Amino acid sequence: MPDESDKLADAIRSLLREQMARSDSARSVATELARFVLAEAERIEREKIRAERAAAEKARVEKGVVTLAVGGQKVAVEVAGTATERAQVERAQVERAAEQVEPKPARPEPARTLDLKLIGIRASLKAASCRLYIERRDAEGDPEREKPILERMNEMIAEAKALPECFLWAFWPREVQPSDDRLRVIADCYDALAESARLCGEAVADGSVLERSELETAFQMLAEASSALRVALEWTWLRDADRDQDDAHLWLRKETQERAVFVERYMRLQEPADPGRAAELLDEVRTLAGLAERRRADQKQVDALLNRVKYHAREFGGEFGPSEHDCRRINEAFGRLAELGLRAGDPRLDSLRGVVTPGSFPGSEPASEVVRRYLAPKKEASAPAGPAPVAERAWSRRVLEARELLRDGGIVIIGGEVRQDAIDRVRDAFEPSGVEWVSLTEHGTGEPMRAPIQRADTRVVLVLIRLAGHLHAEEARAYAREAGKACVLLPAGYNPEQIAERVMEQAERQLSGV
């Protein structure tokens, strides 16, 4: 039985036949209408075919591999979609991983452990995460550049999860991160905190090669790094204290109290450090850390040379005495010990006295002057025995190099309060004709330093820039230029080893007349 649509079609055909039979214009209109309907049907069919072909081609071409984390394992999966869509899948996965690491409460638990090594590890990782986020932001929309960056972000997030209390806030997807310039400064602050924490760990360790004044300098550096990071993090969306910044400050408060160390600046909220100085601070930390590393290396060489002397001294008590070869090696070893700055009073030489006797060397290889001086018998005290004498300091090669430039010349020190113990160490290290420490008031005139700087025998002016202040430091440099004297800026204290390092860096050519 025909349906309603068939009846409608029959009615239209009957009407059109009747009208076309009666009128030429009706026939013309019907003809044009038929042509239009046929053309439109053909157009729609062609577009449908093209769309189907395009979809098939896209499904064939737009396939690729994305790396998914499944059950804690990375799995490569082939999926359909554009490169941009695949990058979005991987980015979403990184963001989900970051979301699993929730921010931790800033307030410390009463019994938490303050671990400088852990602070250094976490702060270094945070510095790297800030710099990687800058790369991530720059590469956004470029699938080829994004893919390796996303992989590194995943690796960092996994590393952070393996550490206690480590939150990589720069990867947190729900907040807007600071500008690239500010992120770079924050990264420098984290690096300064990490490396100053490691340096303080070296300073307080058993058998540390750093002296008391250098320990004080290391503490001051950590205080500045911690304070600078706290200020810099105010640029971020974080509302709680960073765990590592907070732990470093708490560690300093504890250690300064127990060791009676006074940290002059940056321990109070009212005295914030400048984050913009983080890169310069990092350079100062690395200078002191490098000094400690060289000193440890020198100590290893000294120990190795002393063991070599003991080895070649094994025949001194024998029937035939030492050989020419053994004595030559002993002379060479003592010559190297002198170059490394070992002093004749060093207690490590005591075990060799009476074993290596200069008079037992053969005529073909007599004992050198250094051997005779180092192994001369100790003079017995005529007075009742008192406290054990302090052994002479073994200065590094750098100090001995600077001594050659400063010996018999005057040294003027600018900044801070006069410390006689420091003056004595400078005299011992560099053997100058004199040391004058000019103490200046904070806002007073720098005129008192002019006369000492202009004295004929003054060879170098040492400016303690942390203690002298910017204005007095500039005045000292101007007076030194006027008098033709070398001026050396000391950013990290007045220990002789640091003085020597800065003298050789800043004034070697001027002092040597090159």
Protein backbone atom coordinates (compact mmCIF):
# COMPACT_ATOMS: atom_id res chain seq x y z
CA MET A 1 0.00 0.00 0.00
CA PRO A 2 1.54 3.30 -1.03
CA ASP A 3 2.58 5.60 1.84
CA GLU A 4 1.82 9.30 2.19
CA SER A 5 5.09 10.43 0.53
CA ASP A 6 4.25 8.44 -2.61
CA LYS A 7 0.78 10.02 -2.76
CA LEU A 8 2.35 13.48 -2.41
CA ALA A 9 4.82 12.78 -5.22
CA ASP A 10 2.00 11.58 -7.53
CA ALA A 11 -0.03 14.69 -6.79
CA ILE A 12 2.92 16.98 -7.59
CA ARG A 13 3.58 15.15 -10.87
CA SER A 14 -0.08 15.45 -11.93
CA LEU A 15 -0.12 19.15 -11.12
CA LEU A 16 3.11 19.83 -13.01
CA ARG A 17 1.86 17.90 -16.08
CA GLU A 18 -1.34 19.89 -16.14
CA GLN A 19 0.43 23.24 -15.76
CA MET A 20 3.16 22.45 -18.31
CA ALA A 21 0.52 21.37 -20.86
CA ARG A 22 -1.24 24.69 -20.55
CA SER A 23 1.75 27.13 -20.33
CA ASP A 24 5.12 27.52 -22.04
CA SER A 25 6.50 29.55 -19.11
CA ALA A 26 5.55 26.78 -16.66
CA ARG A 27 7.44 24.28 -18.82
CA SER A 28 10.53 26.60 -18.77
CA VAL A 29 10.42 27.03 -14.99
CA ALA A 30 10.04 23.30 -14.42
CA THR A 31 12.95 22.58 -16.74
CA GLU A 32 15.29 25.01 -14.88
CA LEU A 33 14.15 23.68 -11.52
CA ALA A 34 14.94 20.13 -12.59
CA ARG A 35 18.41 21.14 -13.76
CA PHE A 36 19.11 22.93 -10.44
CA VAL A 37 17.97 19.91 -8.38
CA LEU A 38 20.18 17.54 -10.38
CA ALA A 39 23.23 19.85 -10.14
CA GLU A 40 22.78 20.35 -6.40
CA ALA A 41 22.45 16.59 -5.83
CA GLU A 42 25.67 15.98 -7.76
CA ARG A 43 27.50 18.69 -5.74
CA ILE A 44 26.41 17.23 -2.40
CA GLU A 45 27.51 13.76 -3.51
CA ARG A 46 30.97 15.04 -4.56
CA GLU A 47 31.53 16.85 -1.25
CA LYS A 48 30.50 13.72 0.65
CA ILE A 49 33.03 11.63 -1.29
CA ARG A 50 35.83 14.20 -0.70
CA ALA A 51 35.09 14.35 3.04
CA GLU A 52 35.20 10.55 3.32
CA ARG A 53 38.51 10.42 1.47
CA ALA A 54 40.03 13.19 3.67
CA ALA A 55 38.94 11.40 6.84
CA ALA A 56 40.45 8.15 5.60
CA GLU A 57 43.72 9.91 4.68
CA LYS A 58 43.90 11.63 8.09
CA ALA A 59 43.32 8.33 9.87
CA ARG A 60 46.11 6.82 7.75
CA VAL A 61 48.66 9.69 8.15
CA GLU A 62 47.93 11.20 11.59
CA LYS A 63 49.12 8.36 13.74
CA GLY A 64 52.06 8.44 16.09
CA VAL A 65 53.53 7.18 19.32
CA VAL A 66 52.97 8.70 22.73
CA THR A 67 54.70 7.58 25.90
CA LEU A 68 52.27 6.79 28.70
CA ALA A 69 52.99 5.91 32.32
CA VAL A 70 51.12 2.70 33.03
CA GLY A 71 51.54 1.01 36.40
CA GLY A 72 54.73 2.92 37.09
CA GLN A 73 56.25 1.85 33.74
CA LYS A 74 56.70 3.90 30.56
CA VAL A 75 54.82 2.35 27.59
CA ALA A 76 54.97 3.50 23.93
CA VAL A 77 51.47 3.45 22.41
CA GLU A 78 50.53 4.19 18.76
CA VAL A 79 47.53 6.48 18.54
CA ALA A 80 45.69 8.41 15.83
CA GLY A 81 45.72 12.17 15.95
CA THR A 82 47.85 15.17 15.03
CA ALA A 83 51.30 15.81 16.50
CA THR A 84 49.84 18.67 18.53
CA GLU A 85 47.13 16.38 19.91
CA ARG A 86 49.71 13.76 20.89
CA ALA A 87 51.80 16.44 22.64
CA GLN A 88 48.68 17.52 24.55
CA VAL A 89 48.19 13.93 25.75
CA GLU A 90 51.76 13.76 27.09
CA ARG A 91 51.52 17.25 28.63
CA ALA A 92 48.31 16.31 30.41
CA GLN A 93 50.07 13.27 31.80
CA VAL A 94 52.94 15.43 33.18
CA GLU A 95 50.41 17.79 34.74
CA ARG A 96 48.57 14.90 36.39
CA ALA A 97 51.88 13.63 37.77
CA ALA A 98 52.70 17.08 39.12
CA GLU A 99 49.28 17.31 40.74
CA GLN A 100 50.02 14.18 42.75
CA VAL A 101 52.76 16.05 44.62
CA GLU A 102 50.80 18.34 46.90
CA PRO A 103 52.44 21.37 48.55
CA LYS A 104 53.63 20.58 52.06
CA PRO A 105 52.88 22.62 55.18
CA ALA A 106 55.61 25.20 55.72
CA ARG A 107 55.66 25.05 59.49
CA PRO A 108 58.30 22.58 60.72
CA GLU A 109 57.48 19.60 62.85
CA PRO A 110 59.11 19.94 66.28
CA ALA A 111 61.45 16.95 65.82
CA ARG A 112 62.32 17.19 62.12
CA THR A 113 65.93 16.57 61.09
CA LEU A 114 67.89 19.44 59.56
CA ASP A 115 70.04 17.74 56.93
CA LEU A 116 72.37 20.06 54.99
CA LYS A 117 73.11 17.38 52.40
CA LEU A 118 69.41 16.88 51.70
CA ILE A 119 68.87 20.65 51.55
CA GLY A 120 71.58 20.85 48.89
CA ILE A 121 70.10 18.02 46.80
CA ARG A 122 66.54 19.37 46.89
CA ALA A 123 67.55 22.99 46.26
CA SER A 124 69.65 21.98 43.23
CA LEU A 125 66.68 20.04 41.83
CA LYS A 126 64.38 23.03 42.32
CA ALA A 127 66.86 25.30 40.55
CA ALA A 128 66.90 22.91 37.60
CA SER A 129 63.08 22.73 37.56
CA CYS A 130 62.81 26.53 37.31
CA ARG A 131 65.16 26.60 34.33
CA LEU A 132 63.40 23.68 32.65
CA TYR A 133 60.04 25.40 33.04
CA ILE A 134 61.45 28.38 31.13
CA GLU A 135 62.38 25.99 28.30
CA ARG A 136 58.94 24.37 28.50
CA ARG A 137 57.17 27.71 28.18
CA ASP A 138 59.34 28.75 25.23
CA ALA A 139 58.70 25.45 23.39
CA GLU A 140 54.92 25.43 23.88
CA GLY A 141 53.14 24.61 20.63
CA ASP A 142 56.21 23.02 19.03
CA PRO A 143 55.73 19.23 19.41
CA GLU A 144 59.29 18.36 18.40
CA ARG A 145 60.79 20.61 21.11
CA GLU A 146 58.11 19.83 23.69
CA LYS A 147 58.53 16.04 23.70
CA PRO A 148 62.09 15.82 25.21
CA ILE A 149 61.26 18.61 27.66
CA LEU A 150 58.17 16.75 28.88
CA GLU A 151 60.26 13.62 29.31
CA ARG A 152 62.78 15.54 31.46
CA MET A 153 59.94 17.02 33.51
CA ASN A 154 58.63 13.50 34.16
CA GLU A 155 62.10 12.39 35.25
CA MET A 156 62.44 15.37 37.62
CA ILE A 157 59.02 14.74 39.13
CA ALA A 158 59.96 11.09 39.74
CA GLU A 159 63.23 12.21 41.35
CA ALA A 160 61.36 14.68 43.59
CA LYS A 161 58.90 11.99 44.68
CA ALA A 162 61.83 9.81 45.74
CA LEU A 163 63.02 12.55 48.13
CA PRO A 164 61.33 13.50 51.40
CA GLU A 165 59.40 16.77 51.37
CA CYS A 166 60.45 17.82 47.84
CA PHE A 167 57.82 19.80 45.91
CA LEU A 168 58.67 21.13 42.43
CA TRP A 169 56.26 24.04 42.54
CA ALA A 170 57.42 25.40 39.14
CA PHE A 171 55.66 22.44 37.45
CA TRP A 172 52.38 22.98 39.31
CA PRO A 173 49.79 23.31 36.49
CA ARG A 174 47.06 25.11 38.43
CA GLU A 175 48.97 28.34 39.03
CA VAL A 176 50.65 30.99 36.89
CA GLN A 177 54.43 30.94 37.28
CA PRO A 178 56.63 34.08 37.46
CA SER A 179 58.25 35.64 34.40
CA ASP A 180 61.33 34.03 32.84
CA ASP A 181 63.65 36.71 34.27
CA ARG A 182 62.34 36.19 37.79
CA LEU A 183 62.50 32.41 37.45
CA ARG A 184 66.19 32.71 36.49
CA VAL A 185 66.89 34.77 39.63
CA ILE A 186 64.98 32.24 41.76
CA ALA A 187 67.05 29.43 40.20
CA ASP A 188 70.27 31.30 41.08
CA CYS A 189 68.98 31.72 44.66
CA TYR A 190 68.31 27.97 44.91
CA ASP A 191 71.81 27.22 43.57
CA ALA A 192 73.39 29.63 46.06
CA LEU A 193 71.45 27.95 48.88
CA ALA A 194 72.47 24.46 47.69
CA GLU A 195 76.18 25.22 47.38
CA SER A 196 76.42 27.32 50.56
CA ALA A 197 74.71 24.46 52.45
CA ARG A 198 77.32 22.03 51.11
CA LEU A 199 80.09 24.47 52.08
CA CYS A 200 78.72 24.76 55.64
CA GLY A 201 78.59 20.98 55.81
CA GLU A 202 82.30 20.94 54.95
CA ALA A 203 83.01 23.67 57.51
CA VAL A 204 81.45 21.78 60.47
CA ALA A 205 82.62 18.29 59.50
CA ASP A 206 85.24 16.45 61.55
CA GLY A 207 88.67 17.07 60.06
CA SER A 208 87.48 20.14 58.14
CA VAL A 209 90.22 22.03 56.30
CA LEU A 210 88.46 25.36 56.90
CA GLU A 211 89.55 27.64 59.71
CA ARG A 212 87.30 29.39 62.23
CA SER A 213 87.15 32.65 60.23
CA GLU A 214 86.27 30.69 57.09
CA LEU A 215 83.52 28.84 58.96
CA GLU A 216 82.10 32.22 59.98
CA THR A 217 82.21 33.34 56.35
CA ALA A 218 80.44 30.16 55.20
CA PHE A 219 77.69 30.74 57.78
CA GLN A 220 77.27 34.33 56.56
CA MET A 221 76.96 33.09 52.98
CA LEU A 222 74.25 30.57 53.92
CA ALA A 223 72.36 33.29 55.78
CA GLU A 224 72.42 35.54 52.70
CA ALA A 225 71.40 32.71 50.36
CA SER A 226 68.47 31.70 52.58
CA SER A 227 67.26 35.27 53.00
CA ALA A 228 67.58 36.05 49.26
CA LEU A 229 65.55 32.95 48.37
CA ARG A 230 62.83 33.89 50.85
CA VAL A 231 62.54 37.33 49.24
CA ALA A 232 62.57 35.94 45.68
CA LEU A 233 59.81 33.42 46.42
CA GLU A 234 57.48 36.32 47.22
CA TRP A 235 57.24 36.72 43.41
CA THR A 236 55.57 33.31 43.17
CA TRP A 237 52.10 32.02 44.01
CA LEU A 238 53.49 30.16 47.06
CA ARG A 239 52.03 31.26 50.36
CA ASP A 240 54.02 29.04 52.72
CA ALA A 241 57.76 29.02 53.39
CA ASP A 242 59.92 26.86 51.14
CA ARG A 243 61.05 23.77 53.07
CA ASP A 244 64.73 24.11 52.17
CA GLN A 245 64.92 27.84 52.81
CA ASP A 246 63.23 27.30 56.16
CA ASP A 247 65.44 24.34 57.11
CA ALA A 248 68.61 26.23 56.22
CA HIS A 249 67.59 29.13 58.45
CA LEU A 250 66.71 26.81 61.35
CA TRP A 251 70.03 24.95 60.94
CA LEU A 252 71.92 28.26 61.08
CA ARG A 253 70.11 29.39 64.22
CA LYS A 254 70.99 26.13 65.94
CA GLU A 255 74.65 26.00 64.84
CA THR A 256 75.43 29.66 65.51
CA GLN A 257 74.11 29.29 69.03
CA GLU A 258 76.00 26.07 69.75
CA ARG A 259 79.28 27.28 68.20
CA ALA A 260 79.04 30.89 69.45
CA VAL A 261 79.29 32.23 65.89
CA PHE A 262 77.92 35.70 65.22
CA VAL A 263 76.33 36.08 61.78
CA GLU A 264 76.24 39.79 61.22
CA ARG A 265 73.52 40.09 58.57
CA TYR A 266 70.41 38.50 57.02
CA MET A 267 69.25 36.50 60.02
CA ARG A 268 66.21 38.71 60.63
CA LEU A 269 63.09 39.38 58.55
CA GLN A 270 63.77 43.11 58.91
CA GLU A 271 67.10 42.74 57.10
CA PRO A 272 66.39 40.94 53.80
CA ALA A 273 69.09 40.02 51.30
CA ASP A 274 69.01 41.08 47.65
CA PRO A 275 68.01 38.21 45.31
CA GLY A 276 69.69 40.06 42.45
CA ARG A 277 73.06 39.34 44.08
CA ALA A 278 72.54 35.56 43.99
CA ALA A 279 74.84 34.94 41.01
CA GLU A 280 77.62 36.99 42.64
CA LEU A 281 77.09 35.22 45.96
CA LEU A 282 77.30 31.88 44.17
CA ASP A 283 80.70 32.88 42.76
CA GLU A 284 81.91 33.76 46.27
CA VAL A 285 80.69 30.44 47.66
CA ARG A 286 82.47 28.55 44.87
CA THR A 287 85.69 30.49 45.53
CA LEU A 288 85.76 29.40 49.17
CA ALA A 289 84.68 25.86 48.25
CA GLY A 290 87.47 25.72 45.66
CA LEU A 291 89.95 26.82 48.29
CA ALA A 292 88.81 23.99 50.57
CA GLU A 293 89.08 21.51 47.70
CA ARG A 294 92.63 22.61 46.84
CA ARG A 295 93.58 22.46 50.51
CA ARG A 296 92.26 18.90 50.78
CA ALA A 297 94.20 17.97 47.65
CA ASP A 298 97.36 19.50 49.13
CA GLN A 299 96.82 17.57 52.36
CA LYS A 300 96.55 14.34 50.40
CA GLN A 301 99.80 15.16 48.63
CA VAL A 302 101.51 15.95 51.94
CA ASP A 303 100.34 12.66 53.43
CA ALA A 304 101.48 10.75 50.33
CA LEU A 305 104.92 12.42 50.42
CA LEU A 306 105.36 11.69 54.13
CA ASN A 307 104.49 8.04 53.46
CA ARG A 308 107.05 8.04 50.64
CA VAL A 309 109.71 9.34 53.03
CA LYS A 310 108.83 6.59 55.52
CA TYR A 311 109.13 3.98 52.78
CA HIS A 312 112.56 5.15 51.66
CA ALA A 313 113.71 5.54 55.29
CA ARG A 314 113.30 1.81 56.00
CA GLU A 315 117.07 1.12 55.61
CA PHE A 316 118.32 3.93 57.88
CA GLY A 317 118.52 1.59 60.82
CA GLY A 318 119.90 -1.33 58.79
CA GLU A 319 123.40 -2.79 58.68
CA PHE A 320 124.40 -1.06 55.46
CA GLY A 321 122.49 2.23 55.89
CA PRO A 322 120.34 4.01 53.27
CA SER A 323 121.14 3.79 49.57
CA GLU A 324 121.88 6.78 47.38
CA HIS A 325 118.58 6.13 45.58
CA ASP A 326 116.56 6.22 48.84
CA CYS A 327 118.25 9.42 49.99
CA ARG A 328 117.62 11.11 46.63
CA ARG A 329 113.94 10.24 46.86
CA ILE A 330 113.78 11.60 50.43
CA ASN A 331 115.41 14.88 49.35
CA GLU A 332 112.94 15.19 46.45
CA ALA A 333 109.98 14.49 48.74
CA PHE A 334 111.03 17.13 51.26
CA GLY A 335 111.57 19.65 48.47
CA ARG A 336 107.97 19.08 47.34
CA LEU A 337 106.71 19.32 50.95
CA ALA A 338 108.32 22.74 51.21
CA GLU A 339 106.59 23.81 47.99
CA LEU A 340 103.26 22.72 49.44
CA GLY A 341 103.83 24.98 52.44
CA LEU A 342 104.54 22.40 55.14
CA ARG A 343 106.26 24.08 58.09
CA ALA A 344 109.19 22.70 60.08
CA GLY A 345 107.07 22.63 63.24
CA ASP A 346 104.33 20.45 61.77
CA PRO A 347 103.60 17.61 64.25
CA ARG A 348 103.44 15.08 61.39
CA LEU A 349 107.23 15.35 61.13
CA ASP A 350 107.77 14.15 64.69
CA SER A 351 107.61 10.47 63.73
CA LEU A 352 110.47 10.97 61.24
CA ARG A 353 112.90 12.65 63.65
CA GLY A 354 115.41 10.13 64.88
CA VAL A 355 114.52 7.78 62.00
CA VAL A 356 115.77 9.84 59.07
CA THR A 357 119.08 11.20 60.30
CA PRO A 358 120.65 13.81 57.98
CA GLY A 359 124.13 12.68 59.08
CA SER A 360 123.51 9.18 57.69
CA PHE A 361 123.07 10.37 54.08
CA PRO A 362 125.96 9.22 51.82
CA GLY A 363 128.42 11.76 50.46
CA SER A 364 127.15 11.22 46.93
CA GLU A 365 123.63 12.31 48.02
CA PRO A 366 123.89 14.52 51.13
CA ALA A 367 120.81 15.64 53.03
CA SER A 368 119.30 18.77 51.55
CA GLU A 369 118.97 21.98 53.51
CA VAL A 370 115.19 21.39 53.73
CA VAL A 371 115.73 17.92 55.25
CA ARG A 372 118.17 19.30 57.82
CA ARG A 373 115.83 22.14 58.75
CA TYR A 374 112.67 20.01 58.91
CA LEU A 375 114.24 17.15 60.88
CA ALA A 376 116.44 19.14 63.24
CA PRO A 377 115.94 17.92 66.83
CA LYS A 378 113.43 19.94 68.82
CA LYS A 379 114.98 22.15 71.49
CA GLU A 380 114.17 21.07 75.00
CA ALA A 381 112.41 23.67 77.07
CA SER A 382 114.48 24.98 80.03
CA ALA A 383 111.38 26.06 81.92
CA PRO A 384 108.78 23.69 83.38
CA ALA A 385 106.58 22.19 80.75
CA GLY A 386 103.49 24.23 79.95
CA PRO A 387 100.78 23.86 77.33
CA ALA A 388 101.87 22.20 74.11
CA PRO A 389 103.10 24.76 71.56
CA VAL A 390 100.88 25.43 68.57
CA ALA A 391 102.34 24.00 65.37
CA GLU A 392 103.25 26.41 62.61
CA ARG A 393 100.60 26.85 59.94
CA ALA A 394 101.14 25.01 56.65
CA TRP A 395 100.13 27.59 54.04
CA SER A 396 98.95 26.63 50.59
CA ARG A 397 100.86 27.24 47.38
CA ARG A 398 98.54 30.17 46.63
CA VAL A 399 99.55 31.90 49.87
CA LEU A 400 103.23 31.30 49.13
CA GLU A 401 102.77 32.83 45.66
CA ALA A 402 101.06 35.89 47.15
CA ARG A 403 103.78 36.12 49.83
CA GLU A 404 106.40 36.65 47.13
CA LEU A 405 104.45 39.70 45.97
CA LEU A 406 103.63 41.14 49.41
CA ARG A 407 106.73 40.33 51.49
CA ASP A 408 108.40 43.42 53.09
CA GLY A 409 105.65 45.76 51.87
CA GLY A 410 102.92 47.47 53.88
CA ILE A 411 99.34 46.13 53.94
CA VAL A 412 96.37 48.40 54.69
CA ILE A 413 93.02 46.80 55.63
CA ILE A 414 89.78 48.79 55.27
CA GLY A 415 86.44 47.91 56.91
CA GLY A 416 85.02 46.40 60.07
CA GLU A 417 86.48 46.37 63.55
CA VAL A 418 90.19 45.81 64.12
CA ARG A 419 90.98 42.18 65.00
CA GLN A 420 94.47 41.52 66.27
CA ASP A 421 94.25 37.76 65.69
CA ALA A 422 93.50 38.41 62.01
CA ILE A 423 96.40 40.86 61.75
CA ASP A 424 98.72 38.24 63.24
CA ARG A 425 97.61 35.67 60.65
CA VAL A 426 98.17 38.12 57.81
CA ARG A 427 101.68 38.84 59.11
CA ASP A 428 102.45 35.14 59.42
CA ALA A 429 101.12 34.35 55.95
CA PHE A 430 102.62 37.19 53.88
CA GLU A 431 105.54 38.54 55.98
CA PRO A 432 104.81 42.22 55.25
CA SER A 433 106.73 45.16 56.75
CA GLY A 434 103.56 46.12 58.59
CA VAL A 435 99.77 45.75 58.71
CA GLU A 436 97.48 48.71 59.45
CA TRP A 437 93.77 48.13 59.90
CA VAL A 438 91.72 51.32 59.42
CA SER A 439 88.39 51.19 61.22
CA LEU A 440 85.71 53.56 59.89
CA THR A 441 82.29 54.54 61.18
CA GLU A 442 79.39 53.54 58.95
CA HIS A 443 78.37 57.02 57.82
CA GLY A 444 81.62 58.80 58.63
CA THR A 445 84.26 60.16 56.31
CA GLY A 446 86.84 57.93 54.64
CA GLU A 447 89.60 60.49 55.19
CA PRO A 448 91.42 58.39 57.86
CA MET A 449 92.39 55.83 55.21
CA ARG A 450 94.08 58.33 52.90
CA ALA A 451 97.39 58.69 54.77
CA PRO A 452 98.03 54.94 55.33
CA ILE A 453 97.26 54.21 51.68
CA GLN A 454 99.62 56.94 50.46
CA ARG A 455 102.60 55.82 52.57
CA ALA A 456 105.63 54.94 50.46
CA ASP A 457 105.95 51.38 51.79
CA THR A 458 102.23 50.48 51.32
CA ARG A 459 102.01 47.76 48.70
CA VAL A 460 98.37 46.69 48.76
CA VAL A 461 95.02 47.92 50.09
CA LEU A 462 92.59 45.18 51.17
CA VAL A 463 88.93 46.27 51.24
CA LEU A 464 86.46 44.11 53.20
CA ILE A 465 83.49 45.05 51.04
CA ARG A 466 80.89 43.40 53.30
CA LEU A 467 82.12 45.46 56.26
CA ALA A 468 83.37 48.67 54.66
CA GLY A 469 80.22 49.62 52.76
CA HIS A 470 79.91 50.73 49.15
CA LEU A 471 80.92 54.37 49.69
CA HIS A 472 84.08 53.61 51.68
CA ALA A 473 85.04 50.86 49.21
CA GLU A 474 84.85 53.37 46.33
CA GLU A 475 86.86 55.92 48.32
CA ALA A 476 89.54 53.33 49.05
CA ARG A 477 89.81 52.46 45.35
CA ALA A 478 90.07 56.13 44.44
CA TYR A 479 92.82 56.77 47.03
CA ALA A 480 94.69 53.67 45.85
CA ARG A 481 94.53 54.75 42.19
CA GLU A 482 95.73 58.21 43.17
CA ALA A 483 98.71 56.75 45.04
CA GLY A 484 99.47 54.03 42.45
CA LYS A 485 98.79 51.22 44.94
CA ALA A 486 97.12 47.88 44.29
CA CYS A 487 93.57 47.69 45.65
CA VAL A 488 92.00 44.27 46.25
CA LEU A 489 88.32 43.72 47.09
CA LEU A 490 87.60 40.89 49.54
CA PRO A 491 83.97 39.73 49.34
CA ALA A 492 84.31 36.67 51.56
CA GLY A 493 86.32 37.63 54.64
CA TYR A 494 89.94 38.13 55.61
CA ASN A 495 91.34 34.64 55.96
CA PRO A 496 94.87 34.60 54.43
CA GLU A 497 93.90 31.89 51.97
CA GLN A 498 91.07 34.02 50.61
CA ILE A 499 93.25 37.13 50.64
CA ALA A 500 95.85 35.25 48.59
CA GLU A 501 93.25 34.06 46.09
CA ARG A 502 91.90 37.56 45.50
CA VAL A 503 95.35 39.17 45.41
CA MET A 504 96.46 36.76 42.68
CA GLU A 505 93.19 37.25 40.76
CA GLN A 506 92.98 41.04 40.95
CA ALA A 507 96.49 42.43 41.42
CA GLU A 508 99.14 39.89 40.36
CA ARG A 509 100.11 41.84 37.23
CA GLN A 510 100.30 45.18 39.04
CA LEU A 511 102.28 43.82 42.00
CA SER A 512 104.69 41.85 39.84
CA GLY A 513 105.28 44.83 37.54
CA VAL A 514 104.18 42.91 34.43
